[in-house]
């Protein structure tokens, strides 16, 4: 991704910054880690199996925070993935997926906010 800024003296938009984001090669889905890539591989395998046997679902990679309202509580979170599940003859529902990459206490503490918000 690159950023450009309008030049007041010309019609050019010279670049003033850029960064690189790893992505899943098949669909350019941005990945934050190899753990997320593995999670997406697992979800895609499950999606293929569900197409044969059970409720179909779409895999969404949120790029911005989601607002979750549950029992009057409003939370914002950005899970790693969201499954949009549509059981036959029923209303669709969302299932947030958070990839847990490490197992140390500091990491779990940093994930508490996301996990709590997405669990509502």
C-alpha atoms as a PDB file:
ATOM      1  CA  UNK A   1       0.000   0.000   0.000  1.00  0.00           C
ATOM      2  CA  UNK A   2       1.284   3.459  -0.757  1.00  0.00           C
ATOM      3  CA  UNK A   3       0.256   6.945   0.222  1.00  0.00           C
ATOM      4  CA  UNK A   4       0.352  10.020  -1.988  1.00  0.00           C
ATOM      5  CA  UNK A   5       0.048  13.698  -1.299  1.00  0.00           C
ATOM      6  CA  UNK A   6      -1.187  16.390  -3.665  1.00  0.00           C
ATOM      7  CA  UNK A   7       1.509  18.777  -4.767  1.00  0.00           C
ATOM      8  CA  UNK A   8       0.360  22.397  -4.752  1.00  0.00           C
ATOM      9  CA  UNK A   9       2.640  23.301  -7.661  1.00  0.00           C
ATOM     10  CA  UNK A  10       1.866  20.443 -10.076  1.00  0.00           C
ATOM     11  CA  UNK A  11      -0.852  17.938 -10.876  1.00  0.00           C
ATOM     12  CA  UNK A  12       1.398  15.150  -9.602  1.00  0.00           C
ATOM     13  CA  UNK A  13       0.799  13.086  -6.492  1.00  0.00           C
ATOM     14  CA  UNK A  14       4.281  12.197  -5.232  1.00  0.00           C
ATOM     15  CA  UNK A  15       4.515   9.235  -2.861  1.00  0.00           C
ATOM     16  CA  UNK A  16       5.394  10.125   0.716  1.00  0.00           C
ATOM     17  CA  UNK A  17       5.087   6.753   2.413  1.00  0.00           C
ATOM     18  CA  UNK A  18       4.495   3.058   1.871  1.00  0.00           C
ATOM     19  CA  UNK A  19       4.360  -0.230   3.746  1.00  0.00           C
ATOM     20  CA  UNK A  20       4.121  -3.907   2.862  1.00  0.00           C
ATOM     21  CA  UNK A  21       1.457  -6.249   4.246  1.00  0.00           C
ATOM     22  CA  UNK A  22       1.793 -10.023   3.772  1.00  0.00           C
ATOM     23  CA  UNK A  23      -1.226 -11.540   2.061  1.00  0.00           C
ATOM     24  CA  UNK A  24      -2.679 -14.922   1.299  1.00  0.00           C
ATOM     25  CA  UNK A  25      -1.576 -15.579  -2.258  1.00  0.00           C
ATOM     26  CA  UNK A  26      -4.836 -16.911  -3.689  1.00  0.00           C
ATOM     27  CA  UNK A  27      -7.067 -13.965  -2.853  1.00  0.00           C
ATOM     28  CA  UNK A  28      -4.849 -11.153  -1.530  1.00  0.00           C
ATOM     29  CA  UNK A  29      -6.342 -11.473   1.953  1.00  0.00           C
ATOM     30  CA  UNK A  30      -4.044  -9.552   4.354  1.00  0.00           C
ATOM     31  CA  UNK A  31      -2.364 -11.743   6.984  1.00  0.00           C
ATOM     32  CA  UNK A  32      -0.821 -10.567  10.249  1.00  0.00           C
ATOM     33  CA  UNK A  33       1.138 -13.766  10.892  1.00  0.00           C
ATOM     34  CA  UNK A  34       1.872 -17.304   9.772  1.00  0.00           C
ATOM     35  CA  UNK A  35      -0.608 -18.393  12.475  1.00  0.00           C
ATOM     36  CA  UNK A  36      -3.385 -16.508  10.660  1.00  0.00           C
ATOM     37  CA  UNK A  37      -2.382 -18.123   7.368  1.00  0.00           C
ATOM     38  CA  UNK A  38      -2.635 -21.571   8.987  1.00  0.00           C
ATOM     39  CA  UNK A  39      -6.025 -20.643  10.462  1.00  0.00           C
ATOM     40  CA  UNK A  40      -7.255 -19.588   7.017  1.00  0.00           C
ATOM     41  CA  UNK A  41      -6.014 -22.880   5.533  1.00  0.00           C
ATOM     42  CA  UNK A  42      -7.999 -24.788   8.183  1.00  0.00           C
ATOM     43  CA  UNK A  43     -11.104 -22.650   7.619  1.00  0.00           C
ATOM     44  CA  UNK A  44     -10.908 -23.151   3.847  1.00  0.00           C
ATOM     45  CA  UNK A  45     -10.649 -26.942   4.333  1.00  0.00           C
ATOM     46  CA  UNK A  46     -13.688 -26.829   6.632  1.00  0.00           C
ATOM     47  CA  UNK A  47     -15.528 -24.658   4.110  1.00  0.00           C
ATOM     48  CA  UNK A  48     -14.932 -27.246   1.369  1.00  0.00           C
ATOM     49  CA  UNK A  49     -16.214 -30.030   3.655  1.00  0.00           C
ATOM     50  CA  UNK A  50     -19.267 -27.960   4.653  1.00  0.00           C
ATOM     51  CA  UNK A  51     -20.153 -27.468   0.995  1.00  0.00           C
ATOM     52  CA  UNK A  52     -20.724 -31.232   0.851  1.00  0.00           C
ATOM     53  CA  UNK A  53     -22.134 -31.987   4.309  1.00  0.00           C
ATOM     54  CA  UNK A  54     -23.388 -29.133   6.270  1.00  0.00           C
ATOM     55  CA  UNK A  55     -24.232 -25.528   6.596  1.00  0.00           C
ATOM     56  CA  UNK A  56     -22.400 -23.423   4.060  1.00  0.00           C
ATOM     57  CA  UNK A  57     -20.381 -20.488   5.303  1.00  0.00           C
ATOM     58  CA  UNK A  58     -18.372 -17.594   3.979  1.00  0.00           C
ATOM     59  CA  UNK A  59     -15.032 -16.529   5.424  1.00  0.00           C
ATOM     60  CA  UNK A  60     -14.602 -12.789   5.970  1.00  0.00           C
ATOM     61  CA  UNK A  61     -11.373 -11.014   6.941  1.00  0.00           C
ATOM     62  CA  UNK A  62     -12.475  -7.786   8.677  1.00  0.00           C
ATOM     63  CA  UNK A  63     -10.332  -4.807   7.731  1.00  0.00           C
ATOM     64  CA  UNK A  64     -12.003  -2.419  10.195  1.00  0.00           C
ATOM     65  CA  UNK A  65     -13.509  -2.824  13.660  1.00  0.00           C
ATOM     66  CA  UNK A  66     -16.948  -4.402  13.955  1.00  0.00           C
ATOM     67  CA  UNK A  67     -19.652  -3.185  16.317  1.00  0.00           C
ATOM     68  CA  UNK A  68     -21.198  -5.979  18.372  1.00  0.00           C
ATOM     69  CA  UNK A  69     -24.391  -5.366  20.356  1.00  0.00           C
ATOM     70  CA  UNK A  70     -25.475  -8.019  22.825  1.00  0.00           C
ATOM     71  CA  UNK A  71     -27.972  -7.576  25.680  1.00  0.00           C
ATOM     72  CA  UNK A  72     -27.590  -3.812  25.468  1.00  0.00           C
ATOM     73  CA  UNK A  73     -23.780  -3.860  25.596  1.00  0.00           C
ATOM     74  CA  UNK A  74     -21.929  -2.276  22.697  1.00  0.00           C
ATOM     75  CA  UNK A  75     -18.379  -3.431  21.983  1.00  0.00           C
ATOM     76  CA  UNK A  76     -15.988  -2.898  19.102  1.00  0.00           C
ATOM     77  CA  UNK A  77     -13.575  -5.567  17.977  1.00  0.00           C
ATOM     78  CA  UNK A  78     -11.699  -6.787  14.927  1.00  0.00           C
ATOM     79  CA  UNK A  79     -11.437 -10.566  14.979  1.00  0.00           C
ATOM     80  CA  UNK A  80      -8.978 -12.249  12.653  1.00  0.00           C
ATOM     81  CA  UNK A  81     -11.831 -13.843  10.703  1.00  0.00           C
ATOM     82  CA  UNK A  82     -15.615 -13.982  10.793  1.00  0.00           C
ATOM     83  CA  UNK A  83     -17.606 -16.943   9.547  1.00  0.00           C
ATOM     84  CA  UNK A  84     -20.968 -16.024   8.027  1.00  0.00           C
ATOM     85  CA  UNK A  85     -22.915 -19.250   8.559  1.00  0.00           C
ATOM     86  CA  UNK A  86     -26.236 -19.849   6.832  1.00  0.00           C
ATOM     87  CA  UNK A  87     -28.001 -23.011   8.023  1.00  0.00           C
ATOM     88  CA  UNK A  88     -30.644 -24.252   5.592  1.00  0.00           C
ATOM     89  CA  UNK A  89     -33.999 -22.627   6.336  1.00  0.00           C
ATOM     90  CA  UNK A  90     -32.605 -20.459   9.139  1.00  0.00           C
ATOM     91  CA  UNK A  91     -31.288 -16.948   9.541  1.00  0.00           C
ATOM     92  CA  UNK A  92     -27.551 -16.490   9.010  1.00  0.00           C
ATOM     93  CA  UNK A  93     -25.304 -15.742  11.968  1.00  0.00           C
ATOM     94  CA  UNK A  94     -21.731 -14.605  12.515  1.00  0.00           C
ATOM     95  CA  UNK A  95     -18.992 -16.498  14.325  1.00  0.00           C
ATOM     96  CA  UNK A  96     -15.827 -14.504  15.102  1.00  0.00           C
ATOM     97  CA  UNK A  97     -12.516 -16.398  14.950  1.00  0.00           C
ATOM     98  CA  UNK A  98      -9.446 -15.137  16.818  1.00  0.00           C
ATOM     99  CA  UNK A  99      -6.117 -16.825  16.076  1.00  0.00           C
ATOM    100  CA  UNK A 100      -4.020 -17.389  19.181  1.00  0.00           C
ATOM    101  CA  UNK A 101      -0.408 -17.384  18.044  1.00  0.00           C
ATOM    102  CA  UNK A 102       1.527 -17.727  21.260  1.00  0.00           C
ATOM    103  CA  UNK A 103       0.944 -19.121  24.717  1.00  0.00           C
ATOM    104  CA  UNK A 104       2.588 -16.706  27.149  1.00  0.00           C
ATOM    105  CA  UNK A 105       0.734 -14.599  29.740  1.00  0.00           C
ATOM    106  CA  UNK A 106       1.602 -11.231  28.154  1.00  0.00           C
ATOM    107  CA  UNK A 107       0.169 -12.359  24.834  1.00  0.00           C
ATOM    108  CA  UNK A 108      -3.067 -13.566  26.446  1.00  0.00           C
ATOM    109  CA  UNK A 109      -3.373 -10.287  28.336  1.00  0.00           C
ATOM    110  CA  UNK A 110      -3.054  -8.345  25.071  1.00  0.00           C
ATOM    111  CA  UNK A 111      -5.807 -10.494  23.520  1.00  0.00           C
ATOM    112  CA  UNK A 112      -8.258 -10.106  26.442  1.00  0.00           C
ATOM    113  CA  UNK A 113      -9.947  -7.031  24.983  1.00  0.00           C
ATOM    114  CA  UNK A 114     -10.516  -8.572  21.557  1.00  0.00           C
ATOM    115  CA  UNK A 115     -11.670 -11.902  22.928  1.00  0.00           C
ATOM    116  CA  UNK A 116     -14.075 -10.302  25.428  1.00  0.00           C
ATOM    117  CA  UNK A 117     -15.577  -7.954  22.829  1.00  0.00           C
ATOM    118  CA  UNK A 118     -15.929 -10.640  20.178  1.00  0.00           C
ATOM    119  CA  UNK A 119     -17.418 -13.135  22.634  1.00  0.00           C
ATOM    120  CA  UNK A 120     -20.469 -10.968  23.273  1.00  0.00           C
END
